[in-house]
PDB file of N, CA and C in Angstrom:
ATOM      1  N   MET A   1     -23.587  -4.232 -11.104  1.00  0.00           N
ATOM      2  CA  MET A   1     -22.707  -5.304 -11.507  1.00  0.00           C
ATOM      3  C   MET A   1     -23.475  -6.347 -12.320  1.00  0.00           C
ATOM      4  N   LEU A   2     -24.665  -6.687 -11.876  1.00  0.00           N
ATOM      5  CA  LEU A   2     -25.426  -7.709 -12.587  1.00  0.00           C
ATOM      6  C   LEU A   2     -25.810  -7.265 -13.994  1.00  0.00           C
ATOM      7  N   ILE A   3     -26.156  -5.995 -14.139  1.00  0.00           N
ATOM      8  CA  ILE A   3     -26.541  -5.505 -15.462  1.00  0.00           C
ATOM      9  C   ILE A   3     -25.330  -5.507 -16.391  1.00  0.00           C
ATOM     10  N   THR A   4     -24.176  -5.136 -15.881  1.00  0.00           N
ATOM     11  CA  THR A   4     -22.967  -5.124 -16.690  1.00  0.00           C
ATOM     12  C   THR A   4     -22.589  -6.524 -17.145  1.00  0.00           C
ATOM     13  N   VAL A   5     -22.646  -7.479 -16.228  1.00  0.00           N
ATOM     14  CA  VAL A   5     -22.314  -8.863 -16.572  1.00  0.00           C
ATOM     15  C   VAL A   5     -23.317  -9.414 -17.572  1.00  0.00           C
ATOM     16  N   ALA A   6     -24.594  -9.168 -17.342  1.00  0.00           N
ATOM     17  CA  ALA A   6     -25.625  -9.671 -18.255  1.00  0.00           C
ATOM     18  C   ALA A   6     -25.472  -9.067 -19.648  1.00  0.00           C
ATOM     19  N   ALA A   7     -25.203  -7.777 -19.715  1.00  0.00           N
ATOM     20  CA  ALA A   7     -25.025  -7.129 -21.018  1.00  0.00           C
ATOM     21  C   ALA A   7     -23.795  -7.666 -21.744  1.00  0.00           C
ATOM     22  N   THR A   8     -22.723  -7.882 -21.011  1.00  0.00           N
ATOM     23  CA  THR A   8     -21.508  -8.407 -21.632  1.00  0.00           C
ATOM     24  C   THR A   8     -21.712  -9.827 -22.135  1.00  0.00           C
ATOM     25  N   VAL A   9     -22.337 -10.662 -21.324  1.00  0.00           N
ATOM     26  CA  VAL A   9     -22.569 -12.055 -21.724  1.00  0.00           C
ATOM     27  C   VAL A   9     -23.492 -12.122 -22.937  1.00  0.00           C
ATOM     28  N   LEU A  10     -24.554 -11.337 -22.929  1.00  0.00           N
ATOM     29  CA  LEU A  10     -25.466 -11.337 -24.074  1.00  0.00           C
ATOM     30  C   LEU A  10     -24.797 -10.789 -25.332  1.00  0.00           C
ATOM     31  N   ALA A  11     -23.925  -9.811 -25.171  1.00  0.00           N
ATOM     32  CA  ALA A  11     -23.240  -9.248 -26.338  1.00  0.00           C
ATOM     33  C   ALA A  11     -22.167 -10.195 -26.881  1.00  0.00           C
ATOM     34  N   LEU A  12     -21.655 -11.097 -26.055  1.00  0.00           N
ATOM     35  CA  LEU A  12     -20.619 -12.023 -26.519  1.00  0.00           C
ATOM     36  C   LEU A  12     -21.196 -13.207 -27.296  1.00  0.00           C
ATOM     37  N   PHE A  13     -22.463 -13.521 -27.123  1.00  0.00           N
ATOM     38  CA  PHE A  13     -23.043 -14.669 -27.824  1.00  0.00           C
ATOM     39  C   PHE A  13     -23.003 -14.534 -29.350  1.00  0.00           C
ATOM     40  N   PRO A  14     -23.412 -13.414 -29.954  1.00  0.00           N
ATOM     41  CA  PRO A  14     -23.305 -13.326 -31.417  1.00  0.00           C
ATOM     42  C   PRO A  14     -21.867 -13.425 -31.915  1.00  0.00           C
ATOM     43  N   LEU A  15     -20.941 -12.838 -31.172  1.00  0.00           N
ATOM     44  CA  LEU A  15     -19.543 -12.914 -31.569  1.00  0.00           C
ATOM     45  C   LEU A  15     -19.020 -14.341 -31.450  1.00  0.00           C
ATOM     46  N   ALA A  16     -19.486 -15.064 -30.451  1.00  0.00           N
ATOM     47  CA  ALA A  16     -19.055 -16.453 -30.283  1.00  0.00           C
ATOM     48  C   ALA A  16     -19.639 -17.350 -31.375  1.00  0.00           C
ATOM     49  N   LEU A  17     -20.859 -17.066 -31.791  1.00  0.00           N
ATOM     50  CA  LEU A  17     -21.509 -17.909 -32.796  1.00  0.00           C
ATOM     51  C   LEU A  17     -21.063 -17.604 -34.221  1.00  0.00           C
ATOM     52  N   HIS A  18     -20.794 -16.331 -34.517  1.00  0.00           N
ATOM     53  CA  HIS A  18     -20.510 -15.956 -35.907  1.00  0.00           C
ATOM     54  C   HIS A  18     -19.207 -15.182 -36.062  1.00  0.00           C
ATOM     55  N   GLY A  19     -18.372 -15.159 -35.046  1.00  0.00           N
ATOM     56  CA  GLY A  19     -17.160 -14.347 -35.106  1.00  0.00           C
ATOM     57  C   GLY A  19     -15.953 -15.049 -35.689  1.00  0.00           C
ATOM     58  N   GLY A  20     -16.054 -16.317 -35.958  1.00  0.00           N
ATOM     59  CA  GLY A  20     -14.926 -17.044 -36.513  1.00  0.00           C
ATOM     60  C   GLY A  20     -14.225 -17.886 -35.464  1.00  0.00           C
ATOM     61  N   PRO A  21     -13.273 -18.699 -35.902  1.00  0.00           N
ATOM     62  CA  PRO A  21     -12.629 -19.641 -34.976  1.00  0.00           C
ATOM     63  C   PRO A  21     -11.751 -18.972 -33.925  1.00  0.00           C
ATOM     64  N   LEU A  22     -11.209 -17.803 -34.246  1.00  0.00           N
ATOM     65  CA  LEU A  22     -10.353 -17.118 -33.278  1.00  0.00           C
ATOM     66  C   LEU A  22     -11.159 -16.593 -32.095  1.00  0.00           C
ATOM     67  N   TRP A  23     -12.346 -16.074 -32.360  1.00  0.00           N
ATOM     68  CA  TRP A  23     -13.162 -15.455 -31.316  1.00  0.00           C
ATOM     69  C   TRP A  23     -14.008 -16.455 -30.548  1.00  0.00           C
ATOM     70  N   GLU A  24     -14.282 -17.599 -31.129  1.00  0.00           N
ATOM     71  CA  GLU A  24     -15.201 -18.547 -30.514  1.00  0.00           C
ATOM     72  C   GLU A  24     -14.724 -19.000 -29.130  1.00  0.00           C
ATOM     73  N   ALA A  25     -13.517 -19.479 -29.046  1.00  0.00           N
ATOM     74  CA  ALA A  25     -13.005 -19.983 -27.765  1.00  0.00           C
ATOM     75  C   ALA A  25     -12.877 -18.864 -26.734  1.00  0.00           C
ATOM     76  N   ARG A  26     -12.426 -17.705 -27.187  1.00  0.00           N
ATOM     77  CA  ARG A  26     -12.259 -16.589 -26.261  1.00  0.00           C
ATOM     78  C   ARG A  26     -13.604 -16.129 -25.701  1.00  0.00           C
ATOM     79  N   CYS A  27     -14.603 -16.067 -26.547  1.00  0.00           N
ATOM     80  CA  CYS A  27     -15.924 -15.624 -26.092  1.00  0.00           C
ATOM     81  C   CYS A  27     -16.543 -16.615 -25.116  1.00  0.00           C
ATOM     82  N   TYR A  28     -16.416 -17.895 -25.419  1.00  0.00           N
ATOM     83  CA  TYR A  28     -16.961 -18.894 -24.493  1.00  0.00           C
ATOM     84  C   TYR A  28     -16.224 -18.878 -23.160  1.00  0.00           C
ATOM     85  N   ALA A  29     -14.924 -18.640 -23.192  1.00  0.00           N
ATOM     86  CA  ALA A  29     -14.167 -18.539 -21.940  1.00  0.00           C
ATOM     87  C   ALA A  29     -14.605 -17.325 -21.131  1.00  0.00           C
ATOM     88  N   GLN A  30     -14.819 -16.203 -21.788  1.00  0.00           N
ATOM     89  CA  GLN A  30     -15.271 -15.008 -21.081  1.00  0.00           C
ATOM     90  C   GLN A  30     -16.692 -15.170 -20.545  1.00  0.00           C
ATOM     91  N   ILE A  31     -17.557 -15.795 -21.332  1.00  0.00           N
ATOM     92  CA  ILE A  31     -18.933 -16.030 -20.873  1.00  0.00           C
ATOM     93  C   ILE A  31     -18.921 -16.944 -19.645  1.00  0.00           C
ATOM     94  N   GLY A  32     -18.158 -18.004 -19.704  1.00  0.00           N
ATOM     95  CA  GLY A  32     -18.078 -18.919 -18.557  1.00  0.00           C
ATOM     96  C   GLY A  32     -17.453 -18.278 -17.341  1.00  0.00           C
ATOM     97  N   GLY A  33     -16.393 -17.512 -17.551  1.00  0.00           N
ATOM     98  CA  GLY A  33     -15.728 -16.853 -16.423  1.00  0.00           C
ATOM     99  C   GLY A  33     -16.598 -15.815 -15.754  1.00  0.00           C
ATOM    100  N   LEU A  34     -17.263 -14.990 -16.541  1.00  0.00           N
ATOM    101  CA  LEU A  34     -18.151 -13.982 -15.964  1.00  0.00           C
ATOM    102  C   LEU A  34     -19.330 -14.617 -15.243  1.00  0.00           C
ATOM    103  N   SER A  35     -19.887 -15.659 -15.828  1.00  0.00           N
ATOM    104  CA  SER A  35     -21.028 -16.333 -15.192  1.00  0.00           C
ATOM    105  C   SER A  35     -20.620 -17.002 -13.893  1.00  0.00           C
ATOM    106  N   LEU A  36     -19.488 -17.690 -13.900  1.00  0.00           N
ATOM    107  CA  LEU A  36     -19.016 -18.361 -12.685  1.00  0.00           C
ATOM    108  C   LEU A  36     -18.663 -17.358 -11.590  1.00  0.00           C
ATOM    109  N   ALA A  37     -17.984 -16.278 -11.965  1.00  0.00           N
ATOM    110  CA  ALA A  37     -17.613 -15.265 -10.969  1.00  0.00           C
ATOM    111  C   ALA A  37     -18.851 -14.607 -10.366  1.00  0.00           C
ATOM    112  N   THR A  38     -19.872 -14.387 -11.180  1.00  0.00           N
ATOM    113  CA  THR A  38     -21.102 -13.794 -10.662  1.00  0.00           C
ATOM    114  C   THR A  38     -21.813 -14.749  -9.706  1.00  0.00           C
ATOM    115  N   LEU A  39     -21.878 -16.018 -10.066  1.00  0.00           N
ATOM    116  CA  LEU A  39     -22.504 -16.998  -9.167  1.00  0.00           C
ATOM    117  C   LEU A  39     -21.742 -17.129  -7.857  1.00  0.00           C
ATOM    118  N   VAL A  40     -20.426 -17.145  -7.923  1.00  0.00           N
ATOM    119  CA  VAL A  40     -19.619 -17.226  -6.695  1.00  0.00           C
ATOM    120  C   VAL A  40     -19.866 -16.001  -5.829  1.00  0.00           C
ATOM    121  N   THR A  41     -19.912 -14.829  -6.449  1.00  0.00           N
ATOM    122  CA  THR A  41     -20.128 -13.601  -5.695  1.00  0.00           C
ATOM    123  C   THR A  41     -21.506 -13.580  -5.044  1.00  0.00           C
ATOM    124  N   LEU A  42     -22.513 -14.052  -5.745  1.00  0.00           N
ATOM    125  CA  LEU A  42     -23.875 -13.965  -5.224  1.00  0.00           C
ATOM    126  C   LEU A  42     -24.259 -15.108  -4.295  1.00  0.00           C
ATOM    127  N   LEU A  43     -23.614 -16.268  -4.429  1.00  0.00           N
ATOM    128  CA  LEU A  43     -24.018 -17.424  -3.633  1.00  0.00           C
ATOM    129  C   LEU A  43     -22.983 -17.834  -2.582  1.00  0.00           C
ATOM    130  N   VAL A  44     -21.748 -17.965  -2.971  1.00  0.00           N
ATOM    131  CA  VAL A  44     -20.736 -18.518  -2.071  1.00  0.00           C
ATOM    132  C   VAL A  44     -20.291 -17.507  -1.022  1.00  0.00           C
ATOM    133  N   VAL A  45     -20.071 -16.260  -1.415  1.00  0.00           N
ATOM    134  CA  VAL A  45     -19.590 -15.252  -0.476  1.00  0.00           C
ATOM    135  C   VAL A  45     -20.578 -15.021   0.679  1.00  0.00           C
ATOM    136  N   PRO A  46     -21.880 -14.862   0.444  1.00  0.00           N
ATOM    137  CA  PRO A  46     -22.793 -14.711   1.585  1.00  0.00           C
ATOM    138  C   PRO A  46     -22.853 -15.951   2.481  1.00  0.00           C
ATOM    139  N   VAL A  47     -22.717 -17.134   1.906  1.00  0.00           N
ATOM    140  CA  VAL A  47     -22.732 -18.351   2.718  1.00  0.00           C
ATOM    141  C   VAL A  47     -21.501 -18.402   3.619  1.00  0.00           C
ATOM    142  N   ILE A  48     -20.339 -18.096   3.076  1.00  0.00           N
ATOM    143  CA  ILE A  48     -19.117 -18.086   3.878  1.00  0.00           C
ATOM    144  C   ILE A  48     -19.203 -17.015   4.962  1.00  0.00           C
ATOM    145  N   TYR A  49     -19.732 -15.850   4.622  1.00  0.00           N
ATOM    146  CA  TYR A  49     -19.916 -14.786   5.616  1.00  0.00           C
ATOM    147  C   TYR A  49     -20.820 -15.254   6.752  1.00  0.00           C
ATOM    148  N   SER A  50     -21.938 -15.879   6.403  1.00  0.00           N
ATOM    149  CA  SER A  50     -22.857 -16.309   7.454  1.00  0.00           C
ATOM    150  C   SER A  50     -22.249 -17.414   8.314  1.00  0.00           C
ATOM    151  N   ILE A  51     -21.435 -18.268   7.731  1.00  0.00           N
ATOM    152  CA  ILE A  51     -20.784 -19.317   8.525  1.00  0.00           C
ATOM    153  C   ILE A  51     -19.800 -18.705   9.508  1.00  0.00           C
ATOM    154  N   PHE A  52     -18.953 -17.798   9.038  1.00  0.00           N
ATOM    155  CA  PHE A  52     -17.929 -17.235   9.906  1.00  0.00           C
ATOM    156  C   PHE A  52     -18.482 -16.271  10.939  1.00  0.00           C
ATOM    157  N   VAL A  53     -19.446 -15.454  10.572  1.00  0.00           N
ATOM    158  CA  VAL A  53     -19.922 -14.418  11.476  1.00  0.00           C
ATOM    159  C   VAL A  53     -21.099 -14.897  12.319  1.00  0.00           C
ATOM    160  N   LEU A  54     -22.049 -15.575  11.707  1.00  0.00           N
ATOM    161  CA  LEU A  54     -23.258 -15.935  12.440  1.00  0.00           C
ATOM    162  C   LEU A  54     -23.154 -17.285  13.145  1.00  0.00           C
ATOM    163  N   ASP A  55     -22.585 -18.294  12.495  1.00  0.00           N
ATOM    164  CA  ASP A  55     -22.560 -19.633  13.079  1.00  0.00           C
ATOM    165  C   ASP A  55     -21.351 -19.854  13.990  1.00  0.00           C
ATOM    166  N   LEU A  56     -20.155 -19.628  13.478  1.00  0.00           N
ATOM    167  CA  LEU A  56     -18.951 -19.902  14.255  1.00  0.00           C
ATOM    168  C   LEU A  56     -18.595 -18.771  15.210  1.00  0.00           C
ATOM    169  N   LYS A  57     -19.127 -17.595  14.947  1.00  0.00           N
ATOM    170  CA  LYS A  57     -18.877 -16.401  15.756  1.00  0.00           C
ATOM    171  C   LYS A  57     -17.377 -16.117  15.893  1.00  0.00           C
ATOM    172  N   ILE A  58     -16.650 -16.311  14.789  1.00  0.00           N
ATOM    173  CA  ILE A  58     -15.218 -16.001  14.778  1.00  0.00           C
ATOM    174  C   ILE A  58     -15.018 -14.493  14.806  1.00  0.00           C
ATOM    175  N   VAL A  59     -15.825 -13.775  14.057  1.00  0.00           N
ATOM    176  CA  VAL A  59     -15.762 -12.322  14.030  1.00  0.00           C
ATOM    177  C   VAL A  59     -16.927 -11.802  14.854  1.00  0.00           C
ATOM    178  N   ARG A  60     -16.630 -10.966  15.833  1.00  0.00           N
ATOM    179  CA  ARG A  60     -17.678 -10.428  16.694  1.00  0.00           C
ATOM    180  C   ARG A  60     -17.766  -8.931  16.494  1.00  0.00           C
ATOM    181  N   TRP A  61     -18.682  -8.510  15.635  1.00  0.00           N
ATOM    182  CA  TRP A  61     -18.800  -7.099  15.326  1.00  0.00           C
ATOM    183  C   TRP A  61     -19.404  -6.322  16.490  1.00  0.00           C
ATOM    184  N   GLU A  62     -20.344  -6.922  17.206  1.00  0.00           N
ATOM    185  CA  GLU A  62     -21.030  -6.208  18.272  1.00  0.00           C
ATOM    186  C   GLU A  62     -20.069  -5.823  19.388  1.00  0.00           C
ATOM    187  N   ASP A  63     -19.180  -6.727  19.787  1.00  0.00           N
ATOM    188  CA  ASP A  63     -18.243  -6.438  20.869  1.00  0.00           C
ATOM    189  C   ASP A  63     -17.289  -5.313  20.484  1.00  0.00           C
ATOM    190  N   GLN A  64     -16.812  -5.311  19.258  1.00  0.00           N
ATOM    191  CA  GLN A  64     -15.887  -4.277  18.816  1.00  0.00           C
ATOM    192  C   GLN A  64     -16.578  -2.921  18.769  1.00  0.00           C
ATOM    193  N   LEU A  65     -17.809  -2.872  18.285  1.00  0.00           N
ATOM    194  CA  LEU A  65     -18.518  -1.606  18.219  1.00  0.00           C
ATOM    195  C   LEU A  65     -18.857  -1.095  19.612  1.00  0.00           C
ATOM    196  N   LEU A  66     -19.214  -1.980  20.521  1.00  0.00           N
ATOM    197  CA  LEU A  66     -19.507  -1.577  21.889  1.00  0.00           C
ATOM    198  C   LEU A  66     -18.258  -1.025  22.555  1.00  0.00           C
ATOM    199  N   PHE A  67     -17.097  -1.671  22.333  1.00  0.00           N
ATOM    200  CA  PHE A  67     -15.843  -1.210  22.918  1.00  0.00           C
ATOM    201  C   PHE A  67     -15.457   0.160  22.372  1.00  0.00           C
ATOM    202  N   LEU A  68     -15.654   0.373  21.086  1.00  0.00           N
ATOM    203  CA  LEU A  68     -15.267   1.645  20.481  1.00  0.00           C
ATOM    204  C   LEU A  68     -16.175   2.777  20.920  1.00  0.00           C
ATOM    205  N   ALA A  69     -17.404   2.480  21.284  1.00  0.00           N
ATOM    206  CA  ALA A  69     -18.342   3.528  21.682  1.00  0.00           C
ATOM    207  C   ALA A  69     -18.259   3.845  23.168  1.00  0.00           C
ATOM    208  N   THR A  70     -17.577   3.022  23.963  1.00  0.00           N
ATOM    209  CA  THR A  70     -17.520   3.217  25.409  1.00  0.00           C
ATOM    210  C   THR A  70     -16.336   4.107  25.773  1.00  0.00           C
ATOM    211  N   PRO A  71     -16.576   5.247  26.411  1.00  0.00           N
ATOM    212  CA  PRO A  71     -15.455   6.092  26.822  1.00  0.00           C
ATOM    213  C   PRO A  71     -14.735   5.501  28.038  1.00  0.00           C
ATOM    214  N   VAL A  72     -13.467   5.806  28.159  1.00  0.00           N
ATOM    215  CA  VAL A  72     -12.649   5.328  29.266  1.00  0.00           C
ATOM    216  C   VAL A  72     -12.392   6.495  30.198  1.00  0.00           C
ATOM    217  N   MET A  73     -12.665   6.319  31.479  1.00  0.00           N
ATOM    218  CA  MET A  73     -12.463   7.387  32.457  1.00  0.00           C
ATOM    219  C   MET A  73     -11.044   7.318  33.006  1.00  0.00           C
ATOM    220  N   THR A  74     -10.350   8.455  33.019  1.00  0.00           N
ATOM    221  CA  THR A  74      -9.032   8.562  33.640  1.00  0.00           C
ATOM    222  C   THR A  74      -9.112   9.626  34.720  1.00  0.00           C
ATOM    223  N   ASN A  75      -7.976   9.919  35.348  1.00  0.00           N
ATOM    224  CA  ASN A  75      -7.969  10.922  36.421  1.00  0.00           C
ATOM    225  C   ASN A  75      -8.228  12.330  35.905  1.00  0.00           C
ATOM    226  N   THR A  76      -7.827  12.598  34.657  1.00  0.00           N
ATOM    227  CA  THR A  76      -7.916  13.969  34.184  1.00  0.00           C
ATOM    228  C   THR A  76      -9.004  14.190  33.124  1.00  0.00           C
ATOM    229  N   ALA A  77      -9.231  13.228  32.259  1.00  0.00           N
ATOM    230  CA  ALA A  77     -10.167  13.482  31.168  1.00  0.00           C
ATOM    231  C   ALA A  77     -10.811  12.176  30.723  1.00  0.00           C
ATOM    232  N   VAL A  78     -11.813  12.329  29.900  1.00  0.00           N
ATOM    233  CA  VAL A  78     -12.460  11.177  29.291  1.00  0.00           C
ATOM    234  C   VAL A  78     -11.711  10.875  27.986  1.00  0.00           C
ATOM    235  N   VAL A  79     -11.236   9.644  27.836  1.00  0.00           N
ATOM    236  CA  VAL A  79     -10.472   9.252  26.670  1.00  0.00           C
ATOM    237  C   VAL A  79     -11.288   8.227  25.899  1.00  0.00           C
ATOM    238  N   ARG A  80     -11.459   8.474  24.614  1.00  0.00           N
ATOM    239  CA  ARG A  80     -12.162   7.527  23.767  1.00  0.00           C
ATOM    240  C   ARG A  80     -11.128   6.657  23.063  1.00  0.00           C
ATOM    241  N   PRO A  81     -11.392   5.338  22.952  1.00  0.00           N
ATOM    242  CA  PRO A  81     -10.447   4.452  22.268  1.00  0.00           C
ATOM    243  C   PRO A  81     -10.317   4.832  20.796  1.00  0.00           C
ATOM    244  N   MET A  82      -9.113   4.673  20.268  1.00  0.00           N
ATOM    245  CA  MET A  82      -8.863   5.007  18.859  1.00  0.00           C
ATOM    246  C   MET A  82      -9.254   3.829  17.993  1.00  0.00           C
ATOM    247  N   ILE A  83      -9.764   4.113  16.807  1.00  0.00           N
ATOM    248  CA  ILE A  83     -10.124   3.076  15.853  1.00  0.00           C
ATOM    249  C   ILE A  83      -8.894   2.742  15.035  1.00  0.00           C
ATOM    250  N   GLY A  84      -8.640   1.446  14.906  1.00  0.00           N
ATOM    251  CA  GLY A  84      -7.558   1.037  14.028  1.00  0.00           C
ATOM    252  C   GLY A  84      -6.407   0.519  14.771  1.00  0.00           C
TER     253      GLY A  84
END
């Protein structure tokens, strides 16, 4: 993803500088949008994940995985919980 974004942004600069008035605004908008989306993906998403999962413990992955791996004993057979 990073290589694709970097290649696109670098390729849009010549078109933005010498492509004429029609392309200038569009290229700058695409460069800004791709750059902002990449920064949000790389910085904001991991921070939000760490807040929700590690700090607030709203999502508990360990408990769900432990429950899914534990078989349930019944009178006739061993029943494993279904996922989903």
